[in-house]
Amino acid sequence: MFLDLPGRVAKLLIDQSELFGSNTVSLTQEDLASFVGATRVAVNRVLVDLERRGAVKLGRGQVDLVDHALLKKEIRY
């Protein structure tokens, strides 16, 4: 299935969180962009929007997942 960019970013964050059993995902925006097949700038826009809506908290080289339910709503197949 193909997801839009916000859906791909949200899915990656949730998958990484579950894989490592932590609400903190230690990846740079460049790394996230590589994983989801987008530019760093486009991923930054998605992350800033998710942070503004309270789903994540951005840090240096990491993303803290705050609201898993909101992130899961971004994944639309």
N, C-alpha and C. Protein backbone atom coordinates (compact mmCIF):
# COMPACT_ATOMS: atom_id res chain seq x y z
N MET A 1 0.83 -1.18 0.00
CA MET A 1 0.00 0.00 0.00
C MET A 1 0.88 1.25 0.00
N PHE A 2 0.38 2.29 -0.64
CA PHE A 2 1.10 3.54 -0.69
C PHE A 2 0.48 4.54 0.28
N LEU A 3 1.34 5.19 1.03
CA LEU A 3 0.89 6.20 2.00
C LEU A 3 1.41 7.57 1.56
N ASP A 4 0.69 8.62 1.97
CA ASP A 4 1.19 9.96 1.74
C ASP A 4 2.37 10.20 2.69
N LEU A 5 3.06 11.31 2.52
CA LEU A 5 4.26 11.56 3.33
C LEU A 5 3.98 11.61 4.83
N PRO A 6 2.95 12.33 5.29
CA PRO A 6 2.69 12.31 6.74
C PRO A 6 2.41 10.90 7.26
N GLY A 7 1.74 10.09 6.47
CA GLY A 7 1.47 8.71 6.86
C GLY A 7 2.74 7.88 6.93
N ARG A 8 3.64 8.07 5.96
CA ARG A 8 4.90 7.32 5.97
C ARG A 8 5.77 7.71 7.16
N VAL A 9 5.82 9.01 7.47
CA VAL A 9 6.60 9.48 8.61
C VAL A 9 6.02 8.93 9.91
N ALA A 10 4.71 9.04 10.07
CA ALA A 10 4.05 8.54 11.28
C ALA A 10 4.27 7.05 11.45
N LYS A 11 4.14 6.29 10.36
CA LYS A 11 4.33 4.83 10.44
C LYS A 11 5.76 4.50 10.82
N LEU A 12 6.72 5.19 10.23
CA LEU A 12 8.12 4.94 10.57
C LEU A 12 8.38 5.24 12.04
N LEU A 13 7.87 6.35 12.54
CA LEU A 13 8.07 6.70 13.95
C LEU A 13 7.46 5.66 14.87
N ILE A 14 6.25 5.21 14.57
CA ILE A 14 5.59 4.20 15.39
C ILE A 14 6.35 2.88 15.32
N ASP A 15 6.74 2.47 14.10
CA ASP A 15 7.48 1.21 13.95
C ASP A 15 8.80 1.23 14.71
N GLN A 16 9.54 2.33 14.62
CA GLN A 16 10.82 2.44 15.33
C GLN A 16 10.60 2.44 16.84
N SER A 17 9.56 3.11 17.27
CA SER A 17 9.24 3.16 18.70
C SER A 17 8.94 1.76 19.23
N GLU A 18 8.13 1.01 18.48
CA GLU A 18 7.78 -0.35 18.91
C GLU A 18 8.98 -1.29 18.82
N LEU A 19 9.80 -1.12 17.79
CA LEU A 19 10.97 -1.98 17.62
C LEU A 19 11.95 -1.86 18.79
N PHE A 20 12.17 -0.64 19.24
CA PHE A 20 13.14 -0.41 20.31
C PHE A 20 12.50 -0.26 21.68
N GLY A 21 11.17 -0.33 21.75
CA GLY A 21 10.47 -0.26 23.04
C GLY A 21 10.67 1.05 23.77
N SER A 22 10.69 2.14 23.01
CA SER A 22 10.91 3.45 23.60
C SER A 22 10.04 4.48 22.90
N ASN A 23 9.65 5.51 23.62
CA ASN A 23 8.89 6.60 23.00
C ASN A 23 9.80 7.62 22.34
N THR A 24 11.10 7.40 22.40
CA THR A 24 12.07 8.28 21.76
C THR A 24 12.69 7.57 20.57
N VAL A 25 12.60 8.20 19.40
CA VAL A 25 13.21 7.67 18.19
C VAL A 25 14.44 8.51 17.89
N SER A 26 15.59 7.87 17.92
CA SER A 26 16.86 8.59 17.73
C SER A 26 17.29 8.53 16.27
N LEU A 27 16.68 9.37 15.46
CA LEU A 27 17.04 9.50 14.05
C LEU A 27 17.04 10.98 13.70
N THR A 28 17.96 11.37 12.83
CA THR A 28 17.96 12.75 12.36
C THR A 28 16.88 12.90 11.30
N GLN A 29 16.55 14.14 10.97
CA GLN A 29 15.57 14.38 9.92
C GLN A 29 16.08 13.86 8.58
N GLU A 30 17.37 13.92 8.37
CA GLU A 30 17.97 13.38 7.14
C GLU A 30 17.77 11.87 7.08
N ASP A 31 17.97 11.18 8.22
CA ASP A 31 17.75 9.73 8.27
C ASP A 31 16.29 9.40 8.00
N LEU A 32 15.38 10.14 8.64
CA LEU A 32 13.95 9.92 8.42
C LEU A 32 13.61 10.10 6.95
N ALA A 33 14.15 11.15 6.34
CA ALA A 33 13.88 11.43 4.93
C ALA A 33 14.35 10.27 4.05
N SER A 34 15.51 9.73 4.36
CA SER A 34 16.02 8.60 3.58
C SER A 34 15.11 7.39 3.69
N PHE A 35 14.64 7.11 4.89
CA PHE A 35 13.76 5.96 5.11
C PHE A 35 12.43 6.09 4.38
N VAL A 36 11.86 7.30 4.34
CA VAL A 36 10.53 7.47 3.75
C VAL A 36 10.57 7.94 2.30
N GLY A 37 11.75 8.16 1.75
CA GLY A 37 11.88 8.55 0.36
C GLY A 37 11.43 9.96 0.08
N ALA A 38 11.88 10.89 0.90
CA ALA A 38 11.50 12.29 0.74
C ALA A 38 12.71 13.17 1.04
N THR A 39 12.55 14.46 0.85
CA THR A 39 13.62 15.38 1.20
C THR A 39 13.56 15.71 2.69
N ARG A 40 14.68 16.18 3.23
CA ARG A 40 14.71 16.56 4.63
C ARG A 40 13.76 17.71 4.89
N VAL A 41 13.67 18.63 3.95
CA VAL A 41 12.79 19.79 4.11
C VAL A 41 11.33 19.35 4.21
N ALA A 42 10.93 18.42 3.35
CA ALA A 42 9.54 17.93 3.38
C ALA A 42 9.25 17.20 4.70
N VAL A 43 10.20 16.40 5.16
CA VAL A 43 10.03 15.69 6.43
C VAL A 43 9.97 16.68 7.58
N ASN A 44 10.79 17.73 7.52
CA ASN A 44 10.76 18.77 8.55
C ASN A 44 9.38 19.41 8.64
N ARG A 45 8.76 19.70 7.50
CA ARG A 45 7.41 20.29 7.50
C ARG A 45 6.41 19.36 8.18
N VAL A 46 6.51 18.08 7.89
CA VAL A 46 5.59 17.10 8.50
C VAL A 46 5.82 17.04 10.01
N LEU A 47 7.09 16.99 10.43
CA LEU A 47 7.40 16.91 11.86
C LEU A 47 6.96 18.16 12.61
N VAL A 48 7.16 19.32 12.02
CA VAL A 48 6.75 20.57 12.66
C VAL A 48 5.23 20.59 12.81
N ASP A 49 4.51 20.12 11.79
CA ASP A 49 3.05 20.05 11.88
C ASP A 49 2.62 19.07 12.98
N LEU A 50 3.28 17.90 13.04
CA LEU A 50 2.96 16.92 14.09
C LEU A 50 3.26 17.47 15.48
N GLU A 51 4.34 18.24 15.59
CA GLU A 51 4.68 18.83 16.88
C GLU A 51 3.64 19.90 17.26
N ARG A 52 3.24 20.70 16.31
CA ARG A 52 2.24 21.74 16.55
C ARG A 52 0.92 21.13 17.03
N ARG A 53 0.60 19.95 16.51
CA ARG A 53 -0.65 19.27 16.88
C ARG A 53 -0.50 18.41 18.14
N GLY A 54 0.71 18.33 18.69
CA GLY A 54 0.91 17.63 19.96
C GLY A 54 1.18 16.15 19.85
N ALA A 55 1.52 15.67 18.65
CA ALA A 55 1.78 14.24 18.47
C ALA A 55 3.22 13.87 18.82
N VAL A 56 4.15 14.79 18.59
CA VAL A 56 5.57 14.53 18.85
C VAL A 56 6.19 15.77 19.47
N LYS A 57 7.39 15.55 20.01
CA LYS A 57 8.21 16.66 20.51
C LYS A 57 9.57 16.49 19.85
N LEU A 58 10.02 17.51 19.16
CA LEU A 58 11.27 17.43 18.43
C LEU A 58 12.45 17.80 19.31
N GLY A 59 13.52 17.06 19.15
CA GLY A 59 14.77 17.34 19.85
C GLY A 59 15.91 17.23 18.86
N ARG A 60 17.10 17.46 19.32
CA ARG A 60 18.27 17.37 18.45
C ARG A 60 18.60 15.91 18.16
N GLY A 61 18.36 15.47 16.93
CA GLY A 61 18.66 14.10 16.54
C GLY A 61 17.70 13.07 17.10
N GLN A 62 16.55 13.52 17.59
CA GLN A 62 15.58 12.58 18.13
C GLN A 62 14.18 13.16 18.06
N VAL A 63 13.21 12.26 18.09
CA VAL A 63 11.80 12.64 18.10
C VAL A 63 11.14 11.88 19.24
N ASP A 64 10.50 12.59 20.15
CA ASP A 64 9.77 11.95 21.25
C ASP A 64 8.32 11.83 20.84
N LEU A 65 7.78 10.61 20.90
CA LEU A 65 6.39 10.36 20.55
C LEU A 65 5.53 10.66 21.77
N VAL A 66 4.60 11.58 21.62
CA VAL A 66 3.76 12.04 22.72
C VAL A 66 2.36 11.43 22.63
N ASP A 67 1.79 11.38 21.43
CA ASP A 67 0.42 10.92 21.24
C ASP A 67 0.38 9.86 20.13
N HIS A 68 0.48 8.59 20.52
CA HIS A 68 0.48 7.49 19.55
C HIS A 68 -0.82 7.43 18.76
N ALA A 69 -1.94 7.71 19.41
CA ALA A 69 -3.24 7.64 18.74
C ALA A 69 -3.32 8.65 17.59
N LEU A 70 -2.81 9.85 17.83
CA LEU A 70 -2.81 10.88 16.79
C LEU A 70 -1.91 10.47 15.63
N LEU A 71 -0.76 9.89 15.95
CA LEU A 71 0.14 9.41 14.90
C LEU A 71 -0.53 8.31 14.08
N LYS A 72 -1.22 7.40 14.74
CA LYS A 72 -1.89 6.31 14.02
C LYS A 72 -2.99 6.82 13.10
N LYS A 73 -3.62 7.95 13.46
CA LYS A 73 -4.64 8.54 12.60
C LYS A 73 -4.04 9.07 11.30
N GLU A 74 -2.74 9.39 11.31
CA GLU A 74 -2.07 9.89 10.11
C GLU A 74 -1.86 8.79 9.07
N ILE A 75 -1.91 7.53 9.52
CA ILE A 75 -1.66 6.41 8.61
C ILE A 75 -2.97 6.03 7.94
N ARG A 76 -3.16 6.54 6.73
CA ARG A 76 -4.39 6.29 5.97
C ARG A 76 -4.04 5.47 4.75
N TYR A 77 -4.55 4.25 4.67
CA TYR A 77 -4.26 3.36 3.53
C TYR A 77 -5.20 3.62 2.37
